[in-house]
Every structure is written in C-alpha cells, then in structure tokens.
Amino acid sequence: MIGDVKRATVFTFSTLGGWYAFLPQLAASTPLRTKQDYDDYIARLSEVGRLTDENIASRPSSGG
C-alpha cells in the first residue's frame, strides 16, 4: 500500500529504482472486486503526489 511507505521509511529517488518503481504493478497486485476496493485504490493513487513531494524534500542536499 502506498500510504504504508511513509510509515516505514523515506526512500530516495535513484536511477536504480525506489518506491515509485512499483506503481505500474500496483493495479495488478491490488484486488479490485468491489466499489470499496476501487475507492481504496483511488485513495492510494491520490497520495502519490504528496509522497513524491515528501521524498524530494527529504533528500539530502548535494552541497552544490
């Protein structure tokens, strides 16, 4: 669940991947059978922008 990512740790963006690399598989790995399933999925997706902003803000400065 995307929302759980922020509770665990803040992952850094890199060319090797990160939490965002799992977004394409999210729909395939999430059971979507009921209206509540879809509502929960949409709620998770709505957090992507905020999580992205938090990850960018938490990156250490490159010093330059």
PDB file of N, CA and C in Angstrom:
ATOM      1  N   MET A   1       0.837  -1.162   0.000  1.00  0.00           N
ATOM      2  CA  MET A   1       0.000   0.000   0.000  1.00  0.00           C
ATOM      3  C   MET A   1       0.896   1.245   0.000  1.00  0.00           C
ATOM      4  N   ILE A   2       0.626   2.163  -0.829  1.00  0.00           N
ATOM      5  CA  ILE A   2       1.459   3.347  -0.948  1.00  0.00           C
ATOM      6  C   ILE A   2       1.504   4.116   0.361  1.00  0.00           C
ATOM      7  N   GLY A   3       0.386   4.291   1.005  1.00  0.00           N
ATOM      8  CA  GLY A   3       0.360   5.025   2.255  1.00  0.00           C
ATOM      9  C   GLY A   3       1.280   4.454   3.310  1.00  0.00           C
ATOM     10  N   ASP A   4       1.517   3.131   3.278  1.00  0.00           N
ATOM     11  CA  ASP A   4       2.392   2.485   4.240  1.00  0.00           C
ATOM     12  C   ASP A   4       3.846   2.850   4.017  1.00  0.00           C
ATOM     13  N   VAL A   5       4.201   3.288   2.830  1.00  0.00           N
ATOM     14  CA  VAL A   5       5.583   3.619   2.522  1.00  0.00           C
ATOM     15  C   VAL A   5       6.091   4.698   3.463  1.00  0.00           C
ATOM     16  N   LYS A   6       5.295   5.721   3.704  1.00  0.00           N
ATOM     17  CA  LYS A   6       5.771   6.824   4.534  1.00  0.00           C
ATOM     18  C   LYS A   6       5.950   6.397   5.979  1.00  0.00           C
ATOM     19  N   ARG A   7       5.212   5.399   6.424  1.00  0.00           N
ATOM     20  CA  ARG A   7       5.369   4.932   7.795  1.00  0.00           C
ATOM     21  C   ARG A   7       6.640   4.121   7.959  1.00  0.00           C
ATOM     22  N   ALA A   8       7.068   3.461   6.927  1.00  0.00           N
ATOM     23  CA  ALA A   8       8.242   2.593   7.019  1.00  0.00           C
ATOM     24  C   ALA A   8       9.519   3.409   6.973  1.00  0.00           C
ATOM     25  N   THR A   9       9.742   4.070   5.885  1.00  0.00           N
ATOM     26  CA  THR A   9      10.948   4.871   5.720  1.00  0.00           C
ATOM     27  C   THR A   9      10.774   5.732   4.481  1.00  0.00           C
ATOM     28  N   VAL A  10      11.561   6.739   4.329  1.00  0.00           N
ATOM     29  CA  VAL A  10      11.502   7.575   3.142  1.00  0.00           C
ATOM     30  C   VAL A  10      12.558   7.075   2.177  1.00  0.00           C
ATOM     31  N   PHE A  11      12.135   6.691   1.010  1.00  0.00           N
ATOM     32  CA  PHE A  11      13.044   6.146   0.015  1.00  0.00           C
ATOM     33  C   PHE A  11      13.533   7.264  -0.896  1.00  0.00           C
ATOM     34  N   THR A  12      14.776   7.178  -1.264  1.00  0.00           N
ATOM     35  CA  THR A  12      15.388   8.167  -2.137  1.00  0.00           C
ATOM     36  C   THR A  12      15.136   7.807  -3.590  1.00  0.00           C
ATOM     37  N   PHE A  13      15.031   8.818  -4.422  1.00  0.00           N
ATOM     38  CA  PHE A  13      14.931   8.607  -5.856  1.00  0.00           C
ATOM     39  C   PHE A  13      16.306   8.239  -6.382  1.00  0.00           C
ATOM     40  N   SER A  14      16.369   7.272  -7.273  1.00  0.00           N
ATOM     41  CA  SER A  14      17.644   6.929  -7.896  1.00  0.00           C
ATOM     42  C   SER A  14      17.380   6.315  -9.259  1.00  0.00           C
ATOM     43  N   THR A  15      18.428   6.179 -10.026  1.00  0.00           N
ATOM     44  CA  THR A  15      18.289   5.546 -11.343  1.00  0.00           C
ATOM     45  C   THR A  15      18.089   4.048 -11.208  1.00  0.00           C
ATOM     46  N   LEU A  16      18.349   3.506 -10.029  1.00  0.00           N
ATOM     47  CA  LEU A  16      18.184   2.068  -9.798  1.00  0.00           C
ATOM     48  C   LEU A  16      16.784   1.718  -9.324  1.00  0.00           C
ATOM     49  N   GLY A  17      15.995   2.716  -8.993  1.00  0.00           N
ATOM     50  CA  GLY A  17      14.622   2.462  -8.578  1.00  0.00           C
ATOM     51  C   GLY A  17      14.310   3.117  -7.254  1.00  0.00           C
ATOM     52  N   GLY A  18      13.154   2.821  -6.753  1.00  0.00           N
ATOM     53  CA  GLY A  18      12.660   3.361  -5.495  1.00  0.00           C
ATOM     54  C   GLY A  18      11.208   2.959  -5.331  1.00  0.00           C
ATOM     55  N   TRP A  19      10.542   3.530  -4.357  1.00  0.00           N
ATOM     56  CA  TRP A  19       9.159   3.151  -4.093  1.00  0.00           C
ATOM     57  C   TRP A  19       8.262   3.355  -5.313  1.00  0.00           C
ATOM     58  N   TYR A  20       8.562   4.364  -6.104  1.00  0.00           N
ATOM     59  CA  TYR A  20       7.759   4.714  -7.281  1.00  0.00           C
ATOM     60  C   TYR A  20       7.852   3.663  -8.386  1.00  0.00           C
ATOM     61  N   ALA A  21       8.878   2.826  -8.356  1.00  0.00           N
ATOM     62  CA  ALA A  21       9.043   1.801  -9.391  1.00  0.00           C
ATOM     63  C   ALA A  21       7.951   0.738  -9.319  1.00  0.00           C
ATOM     64  N   PHE A  22       7.250   0.657  -8.193  1.00  0.00           N
ATOM     65  CA  PHE A  22       6.197  -0.339  -8.022  1.00  0.00           C
ATOM     66  C   PHE A  22       4.822   0.153  -8.455  1.00  0.00           C
ATOM     67  N   LEU A  23       4.714   1.419  -8.815  1.00  0.00           N
ATOM     68  CA  LEU A  23       3.407   1.957  -9.204  1.00  0.00           C
ATOM     69  C   LEU A  23       2.773   1.229 -10.387  1.00  0.00           C
ATOM     70  N   PRO A  24       3.538   0.871 -11.427  1.00  0.00           N
ATOM     71  CA  PRO A  24       2.891   0.172 -12.546  1.00  0.00           C
ATOM     72  C   PRO A  24       2.296  -1.185 -12.153  1.00  0.00           C
ATOM     73  N   GLN A  25       2.856  -1.841 -11.149  1.00  0.00           N
ATOM     74  CA  GLN A  25       2.338  -3.138 -10.719  1.00  0.00           C
ATOM     75  C   GLN A  25       1.226  -3.022  -9.680  1.00  0.00           C
ATOM     76  N   LEU A  26       0.989  -1.809  -9.191  1.00  0.00           N
ATOM     77  CA  LEU A  26       0.011  -1.631  -8.124  1.00  0.00           C
ATOM     78  C   LEU A  26      -1.372  -2.156  -8.513  1.00  0.00           C
ATOM     79  N   ALA A  27      -1.853  -1.819  -9.677  1.00  0.00           N
ATOM     80  CA  ALA A  27      -3.185  -2.271 -10.097  1.00  0.00           C
ATOM     81  C   ALA A  27      -3.229  -3.787 -10.234  1.00  0.00           C
ATOM     82  N   ALA A  28      -2.164  -4.370 -10.777  1.00  0.00           N
ATOM     83  CA  ALA A  28      -2.142  -5.823 -10.971  1.00  0.00           C
ATOM     84  C   ALA A  28      -2.073  -6.575  -9.642  1.00  0.00           C
ATOM     85  N   SER A  29      -1.472  -5.962  -8.637  1.00  0.00           N
ATOM     86  CA  SER A  29      -1.319  -6.651  -7.360  1.00  0.00           C
ATOM     87  C   SER A  29      -2.391  -6.267  -6.341  1.00  0.00           C
ATOM     88  N   THR A  30      -3.325  -5.431  -6.747  1.00  0.00           N
ATOM     89  CA  THR A  30      -4.400  -4.999  -5.860  1.00  0.00           C
ATOM     90  C   THR A  30      -5.712  -5.607  -6.314  1.00  0.00           C
ATOM     91  N   PRO A  31      -6.354  -6.397  -5.444  1.00  0.00           N
ATOM     92  CA  PRO A  31      -7.648  -6.956  -5.841  1.00  0.00           C
ATOM     93  C   PRO A  31      -8.687  -5.842  -5.992  1.00  0.00           C
ATOM     94  N   LEU A  32      -9.287  -5.771  -7.165  1.00  0.00           N
ATOM     95  CA  LEU A  32     -10.310  -4.762  -7.436  1.00  0.00           C
ATOM     96  C   LEU A  32     -11.616  -5.485  -7.774  1.00  0.00           C
ATOM     97  N   ARG A  33     -12.360  -5.827  -6.722  1.00  0.00           N
ATOM     98  CA  ARG A  33     -13.597  -6.590  -6.911  1.00  0.00           C
ATOM     99  C   ARG A  33     -14.853  -5.805  -6.528  1.00  0.00           C
ATOM    100  N   THR A  34     -14.693  -4.906  -5.583  1.00  0.00           N
ATOM    101  CA  THR A  34     -15.857  -4.176  -5.074  1.00  0.00           C
ATOM    102  C   THR A  34     -15.647  -2.669  -5.248  1.00  0.00           C
ATOM    103  N   LYS A  35     -16.709  -1.926  -5.032  1.00  0.00           N
ATOM    104  CA  LYS A  35     -16.599  -0.469  -5.085  1.00  0.00           C
ATOM    105  C   LYS A  35     -15.602   0.015  -4.038  1.00  0.00           C
ATOM    106  N   GLN A  36     -15.614  -0.588  -2.861  1.00  0.00           N
ATOM    107  CA  GLN A  36     -14.669  -0.199  -1.809  1.00  0.00           C
ATOM    108  C   GLN A  36     -13.229  -0.449  -2.244  1.00  0.00           C
ATOM    109  N   ASP A  37     -12.982  -1.573  -2.942  1.00  0.00           N
ATOM    110  CA  ASP A  37     -11.637  -1.849  -3.471  1.00  0.00           C
ATOM    111  C   ASP A  37     -11.185  -0.724  -4.397  1.00  0.00           C
ATOM    112  N   TYR A  38     -12.069  -0.294  -5.273  1.00  0.00           N
ATOM    113  CA  TYR A  38     -11.731   0.789  -6.211  1.00  0.00           C
ATOM    114  C   TYR A  38     -11.531   2.112  -5.473  1.00  0.00           C
ATOM    115  N   ASP A  39     -12.388   2.387  -4.497  1.00  0.00           N
ATOM    116  CA  ASP A  39     -12.242   3.616  -3.710  1.00  0.00           C
ATOM    117  C   ASP A  39     -10.896   3.623  -2.971  1.00  0.00           C
ATOM    118  N   ASP A  40     -10.527   2.471  -2.398  1.00  0.00           N
ATOM    119  CA  ASP A  40      -9.245   2.367  -1.695  1.00  0.00           C
ATOM    120  C   ASP A  40      -8.077   2.553  -2.658  1.00  0.00           C
ATOM    121  N   TYR A  41      -8.183   1.981  -3.842  1.00  0.00           N
ATOM    122  CA  TYR A  41      -7.126   2.100  -4.853  1.00  0.00           C
ATOM    123  C   TYR A  41      -6.952   3.565  -5.279  1.00  0.00           C
ATOM    124  N   ILE A  42      -8.062   4.235  -5.517  1.00  0.00           N
ATOM    125  CA  ILE A  42      -8.012   5.648  -5.894  1.00  0.00           C
ATOM    126  C   ILE A  42      -7.413   6.478  -4.766  1.00  0.00           C
ATOM    127  N   ALA A  43      -7.748   6.155  -3.519  1.00  0.00           N
ATOM    128  CA  ALA A  43      -7.182   6.868  -2.372  1.00  0.00           C
ATOM    129  C   ALA A  43      -5.669   6.677  -2.321  1.00  0.00           C
ATOM    130  N   ARG A  44      -5.212   5.469  -2.610  1.00  0.00           N
ATOM    131  CA  ARG A  44      -3.766   5.224  -2.630  1.00  0.00           C
ATOM    132  C   ARG A  44      -3.103   6.050  -3.727  1.00  0.00           C
ATOM    133  N   LEU A  45      -3.700   6.049  -4.906  1.00  0.00           N
ATOM    134  CA  LEU A  45      -3.125   6.816  -6.013  1.00  0.00           C
ATOM    135  C   LEU A  45      -3.106   8.306  -5.709  1.00  0.00           C
ATOM    136  N   SER A  46      -4.096   8.770  -4.970  1.00  0.00           N
ATOM    137  CA  SER A  46      -4.150  10.202  -4.666  1.00  0.00           C
ATOM    138  C   SER A  46      -3.006  10.638  -3.753  1.00  0.00           C
ATOM    139  N   GLU A  47      -2.330   9.702  -3.115  1.00  0.00           N
ATOM    140  CA  GLU A  47      -1.203  10.015  -2.233  1.00  0.00           C
ATOM    141  C   GLU A  47       0.136  10.097  -2.976  1.00  0.00           C
ATOM    142  N   VAL A  48       0.177   9.685  -4.231  1.00  0.00           N
ATOM    143  CA  VAL A  48       1.441   9.621  -4.980  1.00  0.00           C
ATOM    144  C   VAL A  48       2.123  10.987  -5.058  1.00  0.00           C
ATOM    145  N   GLY A  49       1.394  12.014  -5.381  1.00  0.00           N
ATOM    146  CA  GLY A  49       1.983  13.347  -5.490  1.00  0.00           C
ATOM    147  C   GLY A  49       2.575  13.821  -4.180  1.00  0.00           C
ATOM    148  N   ARG A  50       1.833  13.634  -3.091  1.00  0.00           N
ATOM    149  CA  ARG A  50       2.314  14.044  -1.772  1.00  0.00           C
ATOM    150  C   ARG A  50       3.562  13.256  -1.391  1.00  0.00           C
ATOM    151  N   LEU A  51       3.552  11.947  -1.603  1.00  0.00           N
ATOM    152  CA  LEU A  51       4.723  11.131  -1.279  1.00  0.00           C
ATOM    153  C   LEU A  51       5.933  11.525  -2.119  1.00  0.00           C
ATOM    154  N   THR A  52       5.693  11.847  -3.369  1.00  0.00           N
ATOM    155  CA  THR A  52       6.783  12.300  -4.231  1.00  0.00           C
ATOM    156  C   THR A  52       7.374  13.594  -3.696  1.00  0.00           C
ATOM    157  N   ASP A  53       6.518  14.551  -3.358  1.00  0.00           N
ATOM    158  CA  ASP A  53       6.992  15.826  -2.806  1.00  0.00           C
ATOM    159  C   ASP A  53       7.765  15.618  -1.509  1.00  0.00           C
ATOM    160  N   GLU A  54       7.264  14.747  -0.626  1.00  0.00           N
ATOM    161  CA  GLU A  54       7.952  14.485   0.633  1.00  0.00           C
ATOM    162  C   GLU A  54       9.325  13.865   0.396  1.00  0.00           C
ATOM    163  N   ASN A  55       9.413  12.943  -0.560  1.00  0.00           N
ATOM    164  CA  ASN A  55      10.691  12.310  -0.857  1.00  0.00           C
ATOM    165  C   ASN A  55      11.688  13.305  -1.411  1.00  0.00           C
ATOM    166  N   ILE A  56      11.233  14.194  -2.288  1.00  0.00           N
ATOM    167  CA  ILE A  56      12.120  15.208  -2.839  1.00  0.00           C
ATOM    168  C   ILE A  56      12.602  16.138  -1.734  1.00  0.00           C
ATOM    169  N   ALA A  57      11.694  16.552  -0.872  1.00  0.00           N
ATOM    170  CA  ALA A  57      12.036  17.475   0.210  1.00  0.00           C
ATOM    171  C   ALA A  57      12.980  16.846   1.230  1.00  0.00           C
ATOM    172  N   SER A  58      12.921  15.524   1.390  1.00  0.00           N
ATOM    173  CA  SER A  58      13.734  14.873   2.415  1.00  0.00           C
ATOM    174  C   SER A  58      15.114  14.456   1.904  1.00  0.00           C
ATOM    175  N   ARG A  59      15.356  14.620   0.616  1.00  0.00           N
ATOM    176  CA  ARG A  59      16.668  14.246   0.064  1.00  0.00           C
ATOM    177  C   ARG A  59      17.736  15.140   0.655  1.00  0.00           C
ATOM    178  N   PRO A  60      18.873  14.546   0.992  1.00  0.00           N
ATOM    179  CA  PRO A  60      19.976  15.383   1.470  1.00  0.00           C
ATOM    180  C   PRO A  60      20.445  16.323   0.366  1.00  0.00           C
ATOM    181  N   SER A  61      20.880  17.488   0.757  1.00  0.00           N
ATOM    182  CA  SER A  61      21.389  18.451  -0.215  1.00  0.00           C
ATOM    183  C   SER A  61      22.659  17.921  -0.845  1.00  0.00           C
ATOM    184  N   SER A  62      22.818  18.174  -2.126  1.00  0.00           N
ATOM    185  CA  SER A  62      24.021  17.742  -2.819  1.00  0.00           C
ATOM    186  C   SER A  62      25.194  18.655  -2.506  1.00  0.00           C
ATOM    187  N   GLY A  63      24.940  19.733  -1.815  1.00  0.00           N
ATOM    188  CA  GLY A  63      26.004  20.649  -1.416  1.00  0.00           C
ATOM    189  C   GLY A  63      26.446  21.595  -2.512  1.00  0.00           C
ATOM    190  N   GLY A  64      25.732  21.578  -3.638  1.00  0.00           N
ATOM    191  CA  GLY A  64      26.207  22.452  -4.684  1.00  0.00           C
ATOM    192  C   GLY A  64      25.191  23.189  -5.340  1.00  0.00           C
TER     193      GLY A  64
END
